[in-house]
């Protein structure tokens, strides 16, 4: 996923991504790893999760990332 983001930023200069994973926050560790890689890449992106934010699985730490 992060390689694809890198390609989109380099080739098209995207400024926003939409994560369309209906279970994105089901596995908090996975979601945090993905966000950590995006942060590590230094991308200045607006990120939205249209379909995959479960309130019972959401943490302040993940929201901050």
PDB file of N, CA and C in Angstrom:
ATOM      1  N   UNK A   1       0.820  -1.188   0.000  1.00  0.00           N
ATOM      2  CA  UNK A   1       0.000   0.000   0.000  1.00  0.00           C
ATOM      3  C   UNK A   1       0.867   1.257   0.000  1.00  0.00           C
ATOM      4  N   UNK A   2       1.920   1.257   0.791  1.00  0.00           N
ATOM      5  CA  UNK A   2       2.776   2.442   0.875  1.00  0.00           C
ATOM      6  C   UNK A   2       3.579   2.628  -0.414  1.00  0.00           C
ATOM      7  N   UNK A   3       3.958   1.537  -1.058  1.00  0.00           N
ATOM      8  CA  UNK A   3       4.648   1.657  -2.346  1.00  0.00           C
ATOM      9  C   UNK A   3       3.736   2.300  -3.383  1.00  0.00           C
ATOM     10  N   UNK A   4       2.473   1.955  -3.348  1.00  0.00           N
ATOM     11  CA  UNK A   4       1.511   2.556  -4.268  1.00  0.00           C
ATOM     12  C   UNK A   4       1.329   4.044  -3.970  1.00  0.00           C
ATOM     13  N   UNK A   5       1.276   4.402  -2.695  1.00  0.00           N
ATOM     14  CA  UNK A   5       1.176   5.819  -2.315  1.00  0.00           C
ATOM     15  C   UNK A   5       2.397   6.574  -2.815  1.00  0.00           C
ATOM     16  N   UNK A   6       3.578   5.979  -2.635  1.00  0.00           N
ATOM     17  CA  UNK A   6       4.816   6.609  -3.096  1.00  0.00           C
ATOM     18  C   UNK A   6       4.760   6.858  -4.603  1.00  0.00           C
ATOM     19  N   UNK A   7       4.306   5.878  -5.351  1.00  0.00           N
ATOM     20  CA  UNK A   7       4.201   5.999  -6.801  1.00  0.00           C
ATOM     21  C   UNK A   7       3.217   7.110  -7.182  1.00  0.00           C
ATOM     22  N   UNK A   8       2.073   7.151  -6.506  1.00  0.00           N
ATOM     23  CA  UNK A   8       1.067   8.169  -6.807  1.00  0.00           C
ATOM     24  C   UNK A   8       1.564   9.579  -6.494  1.00  0.00           C
ATOM     25  N   UNK A   9       2.294   9.727  -5.400  1.00  0.00           N
ATOM     26  CA  UNK A   9       2.845  11.035  -5.037  1.00  0.00           C
ATOM     27  C   UNK A   9       3.905  11.447  -6.052  1.00  0.00           C
ATOM     28  N   UNK A  10       4.807  10.528  -6.385  1.00  0.00           N
ATOM     29  CA  UNK A  10       5.895  10.841  -7.329  1.00  0.00           C
ATOM     30  C   UNK A  10       5.374  11.132  -8.736  1.00  0.00           C
ATOM     31  N   UNK A  11       4.480  10.293  -9.221  1.00  0.00           N
ATOM     32  CA  UNK A  11       4.033  10.402 -10.612  1.00  0.00           C
ATOM     33  C   UNK A  11       2.952  11.463 -10.816  1.00  0.00           C
ATOM     34  N   UNK A  12       2.035  11.594  -9.858  1.00  0.00           N
ATOM     35  CA  UNK A  12       0.887  12.468 -10.060  1.00  0.00           C
ATOM     36  C   UNK A  12       0.778  13.610  -9.058  1.00  0.00           C
ATOM     37  N   UNK A  13       1.629  13.615  -8.032  1.00  0.00           N
ATOM     38  CA  UNK A  13       1.598  14.688  -7.049  1.00  0.00           C
ATOM     39  C   UNK A  13       0.320  14.714  -6.228  1.00  0.00           C
ATOM     40  N   UNK A  14      -0.227  13.540  -5.918  1.00  0.00           N
ATOM     41  CA  UNK A  14      -1.489  13.506  -5.166  1.00  0.00           C
ATOM     42  C   UNK A  14      -1.342  14.185  -3.818  1.00  0.00           C
ATOM     43  N   UNK A  15      -2.429  14.714  -3.325  1.00  0.00           N
ATOM     44  CA  UNK A  15      -2.459  15.411  -2.035  1.00  0.00           C
ATOM     45  C   UNK A  15      -3.411  14.744  -1.052  1.00  0.00           C
ATOM     46  N   UNK A  16      -4.189  13.764  -1.524  1.00  0.00           N
ATOM     47  CA  UNK A  16      -5.185  13.110  -0.682  1.00  0.00           C
ATOM     48  C   UNK A  16      -5.322  11.644  -1.082  1.00  0.00           C
ATOM     49  N   UNK A  17      -5.504  10.789  -0.081  1.00  0.00           N
ATOM     50  CA  UNK A  17      -5.828   9.395  -0.362  1.00  0.00           C
ATOM     51  C   UNK A  17      -7.076   9.024   0.435  1.00  0.00           C
ATOM     52  N   UNK A  18      -7.814   8.093  -0.123  1.00  0.00           N
ATOM     53  CA  UNK A  18      -8.982   7.550   0.559  1.00  0.00           C
ATOM     54  C   UNK A  18      -8.734   6.061   0.756  1.00  0.00           C
ATOM     55  N   UNK A  19      -8.750   5.632   1.990  1.00  0.00           N
ATOM     56  CA  UNK A  19      -8.567   4.224   2.299  1.00  0.00           C
ATOM     57  C   UNK A  19      -9.948   3.589   2.299  1.00  0.00           C
ATOM     58  N   UNK A  20     -10.181   2.694   1.364  1.00  0.00           N
ATOM     59  CA  UNK A  20     -11.504   2.091   1.174  1.00  0.00           C
ATOM     60  C   UNK A  20     -11.544   0.663   1.716  1.00  0.00           C
ATOM     61  N   UNK A  21     -10.887   0.420   2.817  1.00  0.00           N
ATOM     62  CA  UNK A  21     -10.856  -0.881   3.473  1.00  0.00           C
ATOM     63  C   UNK A  21     -11.951  -0.907   4.529  1.00  0.00           C
ATOM     64  N   UNK A  22     -12.942  -1.756   4.349  1.00  0.00           N
ATOM     65  CA  UNK A  22     -14.064  -1.762   5.285  1.00  0.00           C
ATOM     66  C   UNK A  22     -13.699  -2.332   6.657  1.00  0.00           C
ATOM     67  N   UNK A  23     -12.462  -2.789   6.800  1.00  0.00           N
ATOM     68  CA  UNK A  23     -11.982  -3.294   8.089  1.00  0.00           C
ATOM     69  C   UNK A  23     -10.674  -2.621   8.514  1.00  0.00           C
ATOM     70  N   UNK A  24     -10.421  -1.407   8.057  1.00  0.00           N
ATOM     71  CA  UNK A  24      -9.127  -0.763   8.302  1.00  0.00           C
ATOM     72  C   UNK A  24      -8.782  -0.683   9.782  1.00  0.00           C
ATOM     73  N   UNK A  25      -9.710  -0.321  10.626  1.00  0.00           N
ATOM     74  CA  UNK A  25      -9.403  -0.184  12.052  1.00  0.00           C
ATOM     75  C   UNK A  25      -9.727  -1.436  12.862  1.00  0.00           C
ATOM     76  N   UNK A  26     -10.120  -2.514  12.192  1.00  0.00           N
ATOM     77  CA  UNK A  26     -10.393  -3.754  12.919  1.00  0.00           C
ATOM     78  C   UNK A  26      -9.127  -4.272  13.591  1.00  0.00           C
ATOM     79  N   UNK A  27      -8.011  -4.217  12.868  1.00  0.00           N
ATOM     80  CA  UNK A  27      -6.706  -4.620  13.415  1.00  0.00           C
ATOM     81  C   UNK A  27      -5.903  -3.340  13.653  1.00  0.00           C
ATOM     82  N   UNK A  28      -5.956  -2.844  14.870  1.00  0.00           N
ATOM     83  CA  UNK A  28      -5.319  -1.565  15.204  1.00  0.00           C
ATOM     84  C   UNK A  28      -3.813  -1.598  14.932  1.00  0.00           C
ATOM     85  N   UNK A  29      -3.147  -2.690  15.257  1.00  0.00           N
ATOM     86  CA  UNK A  29      -1.694  -2.772  15.020  1.00  0.00           C
ATOM     87  C   UNK A  29      -1.376  -2.619  13.535  1.00  0.00           C
ATOM     88  N   UNK A  30      -2.158  -3.248  12.675  1.00  0.00           N
ATOM     89  CA  UNK A  30      -1.960  -3.127  11.227  1.00  0.00           C
ATOM     90  C   UNK A  30      -2.197  -1.694  10.777  1.00  0.00           C
ATOM     91  N   UNK A  31      -3.278  -1.102  11.237  1.00  0.00           N
ATOM     92  CA  UNK A  31      -3.589   0.283  10.861  1.00  0.00           C
ATOM     93  C   UNK A  31      -2.483   1.224  11.321  1.00  0.00           C
ATOM     94  N   UNK A  32      -1.986   1.021  12.534  1.00  0.00           N
ATOM     95  CA  UNK A  32      -0.900   1.873  13.031  1.00  0.00           C
ATOM     96  C   UNK A  32       0.378   1.669  12.236  1.00  0.00           C
ATOM     97  N   UNK A  33       0.675   0.424  11.836  1.00  0.00           N
ATOM     98  CA  UNK A  33       1.873   0.180  11.014  1.00  0.00           C
ATOM     99  C   UNK A  33       1.770   0.913   9.683  1.00  0.00           C
ATOM    100  N   UNK A  34       0.599   0.862   9.069  1.00  0.00           N
ATOM    101  CA  UNK A  34       0.404   1.562   7.798  1.00  0.00           C
ATOM    102  C   UNK A  34       0.581   3.066   7.995  1.00  0.00           C
ATOM    103  N   UNK A  35      -0.037   3.605   9.028  1.00  0.00           N
ATOM    104  CA  UNK A  35       0.098   5.046   9.287  1.00  0.00           C
ATOM    105  C   UNK A  35       1.540   5.412   9.613  1.00  0.00           C
ATOM    106  N   UNK A  36       2.243   4.568  10.369  1.00  0.00           N
ATOM    107  CA  UNK A  36       3.657   4.824  10.677  1.00  0.00           C
ATOM    108  C   UNK A  36       4.498   4.892   9.402  1.00  0.00           C
ATOM    109  N   UNK A  37       4.230   3.992   8.454  1.00  0.00           N
ATOM    110  CA  UNK A  37       4.975   4.009   7.194  1.00  0.00           C
ATOM    111  C   UNK A  37       4.660   5.255   6.376  1.00  0.00           C
ATOM    112  N   UNK A  38       3.419   5.686   6.408  1.00  0.00           N
ATOM    113  CA  UNK A  38       3.052   6.922   5.708  1.00  0.00           C
ATOM    114  C   UNK A  38       3.760   8.112   6.356  1.00  0.00           C
ATOM    115  N   UNK A  39       3.792   8.150   7.680  1.00  0.00           N
ATOM    116  CA  UNK A  39       4.488   9.220   8.401  1.00  0.00           C
ATOM    117  C   UNK A  39       5.981   9.177   8.096  1.00  0.00           C
ATOM    118  N   UNK A  40       6.561   7.985   8.137  1.00  0.00           N
ATOM    119  CA  UNK A  40       7.993   7.816   7.869  1.00  0.00           C
ATOM    120  C   UNK A  40       8.350   8.286   6.459  1.00  0.00           C
ATOM    121  N   UNK A  41       7.418   8.082   5.511  1.00  0.00           N
ATOM    122  CA  UNK A  41       7.654   8.509   4.130  1.00  0.00           C
ATOM    123  C   UNK A  41       7.633  10.013   3.951  1.00  0.00           C
ATOM    124  N   UNK A  42       7.160  10.739   4.964  1.00  0.00           N
ATOM    125  CA  UNK A  42       7.149  12.194   4.895  1.00  0.00           C
ATOM    126  C   UNK A  42       6.087  12.762   3.963  1.00  0.00           C
ATOM    127  N   UNK A  43       5.068  11.979   3.673  1.00  0.00           N
ATOM    128  CA  UNK A  43       4.005  12.446   2.792  1.00  0.00           C
ATOM    129  C   UNK A  43       3.159  13.492   3.502  1.00  0.00           C
ATOM    130  N   UNK A  44       2.808  14.525   2.791  1.00  0.00           N
ATOM    131  CA  UNK A  44       1.913  15.555   3.318  1.00  0.00           C
ATOM    132  C   UNK A  44       0.551  15.331   2.667  1.00  0.00           C
ATOM    133  N   UNK A  45      -0.192  14.358   3.216  1.00  0.00           N
ATOM    134  CA  UNK A  45      -1.436  13.936   2.591  1.00  0.00           C
ATOM    135  C   UNK A  45      -2.619  14.083   3.533  1.00  0.00           C
ATOM    136  N   UNK A  46      -3.758  14.392   2.952  1.00  0.00           N
ATOM    137  CA  UNK A  46      -5.019  14.288   3.659  1.00  0.00           C
ATOM    138  C   UNK A  46      -5.470  12.843   3.491  1.00  0.00           C
ATOM    139  N   UNK A  47      -5.783  12.185   4.586  1.00  0.00           N
ATOM    140  CA  UNK A  47      -6.174  10.776   4.541  1.00  0.00           C
ATOM    141  C   UNK A  47      -7.577  10.638   5.097  1.00  0.00           C
ATOM    142  N   UNK A  48      -8.435   9.966   4.337  1.00  0.00           N
ATOM    143  CA  UNK A  48      -9.781   9.698   4.832  1.00  0.00           C
ATOM    144  C   UNK A  48     -10.055   8.200   4.711  1.00  0.00           C
ATOM    145  N   UNK A  49     -10.825   7.715   5.649  1.00  0.00           N
ATOM    146  CA  UNK A  49     -11.237   6.305   5.661  1.00  0.00           C
ATOM    147  C   UNK A  49     -12.744   6.278   5.482  1.00  0.00           C
ATOM    148  N   UNK A  50     -13.172   6.203   4.259  1.00  0.00           N
ATOM    149  CA  UNK A  50     -14.584   6.297   3.925  1.00  0.00           C
ATOM    150  C   UNK A  50     -15.423   5.165   4.492  1.00  0.00           C
ATOM    151  N   UNK A  51     -14.867   3.964   4.534  1.00  0.00           N
ATOM    152  CA  UNK A  51     -15.711   2.819   4.850  1.00  0.00           C
ATOM    153  C   UNK A  51     -15.222   1.978   6.023  1.00  0.00           C
ATOM    154  N   UNK A  52     -14.097   2.320   6.640  1.00  0.00           N
ATOM    155  CA  UNK A  52     -13.523   1.353   7.539  1.00  0.00           C
ATOM    156  C   UNK A  52     -13.177   1.801   8.932  1.00  0.00           C
ATOM    157  N   UNK A  53     -13.861   2.772   9.478  1.00  0.00           N
ATOM    158  CA  UNK A  53     -13.545   3.201  10.834  1.00  0.00           C
ATOM    159  C   UNK A  53     -14.595   2.639  11.785  1.00  0.00           C
ATOM    160  N   UNK A  54     -14.163   1.704  12.599  1.00  0.00           N
ATOM    161  CA  UNK A  54     -15.045   1.134  13.619  1.00  0.00           C
ATOM    162  C   UNK A  54     -14.802   1.889  14.914  1.00  0.00           C
ATOM    163  N   UNK A  55     -15.813   2.507  15.438  1.00  0.00           N
ATOM    164  CA  UNK A  55     -15.675   3.305  16.657  1.00  0.00           C
ATOM    165  C   UNK A  55     -15.175   2.480  17.840  1.00  0.00           C
ATOM    166  N   UNK A  56     -15.574   1.233  17.915  1.00  0.00           N
ATOM    167  CA  UNK A  56     -15.149   0.403  19.039  1.00  0.00           C
ATOM    168  C   UNK A  56     -13.688  -0.024  18.930  1.00  0.00           C
ATOM    169  N   UNK A  57     -13.076   0.185  17.780  1.00  0.00           N
ATOM    170  CA  UNK A  57     -11.672  -0.170  17.584  1.00  0.00           C
ATOM    171  C   UNK A  57     -10.764   1.046  17.438  1.00  0.00           C
ATOM    172  N   UNK A  58     -11.317   2.222  17.404  1.00  0.00           N
ATOM    173  CA  UNK A  58     -10.549   3.438  17.200  1.00  0.00           C
ATOM    174  C   UNK A  58      -9.848   3.866  18.482  1.00  0.00           C
ATOM    175  N   UNK A  59      -8.587   4.290  18.354  1.00  0.00           N
ATOM    176  CA  UNK A  59      -7.833   4.770  19.511  1.00  0.00           C
ATOM    177  C   UNK A  59      -7.375   6.202  19.265  1.00  0.00           C
ATOM    178  N   UNK A  60      -7.140   6.923  20.333  1.00  0.00           N
ATOM    179  CA  UNK A  60      -6.614   8.301  20.191  1.00  0.00           C
ATOM    180  C   UNK A  60      -5.272   8.298  19.486  1.00  0.00           C
ATOM    181  N   UNK A  61      -4.455   7.289  19.773  1.00  0.00           N
ATOM    182  CA  UNK A  61      -3.130   7.192  19.168  1.00  0.00           C
ATOM    183  C   UNK A  61      -3.237   7.078  17.647  1.00  0.00           C
ATOM    184  N   UNK A  62      -4.160   6.235  17.182  1.00  0.00           N
ATOM    185  CA  UNK A  62      -4.329   6.090  15.746  1.00  0.00           C
ATOM    186  C   UNK A  62      -4.866   7.366  15.119  1.00  0.00           C
ATOM    187  N   UNK A  63      -5.819   8.003  15.754  1.00  0.00           N
ATOM    188  CA  UNK A  63      -6.371   9.257  15.228  1.00  0.00           C
ATOM    189  C   UNK A  63      -5.272  10.317  15.134  1.00  0.00           C
ATOM    190  N   UNK A  64      -4.413  10.389  16.135  1.00  0.00           N
ATOM    191  CA  UNK A  64      -3.326  11.369  16.124  1.00  0.00           C
ATOM    192  C   UNK A  64      -2.383  11.134  14.944  1.00  0.00           C
ATOM    193  N   UNK A  65      -2.124   9.873  14.661  1.00  0.00           N
ATOM    194  CA  UNK A  65      -1.240   9.548  13.532  1.00  0.00           C
ATOM    195  C   UNK A  65      -1.887   9.994  12.244  1.00  0.00           C
TER     196      UNK A  65
END
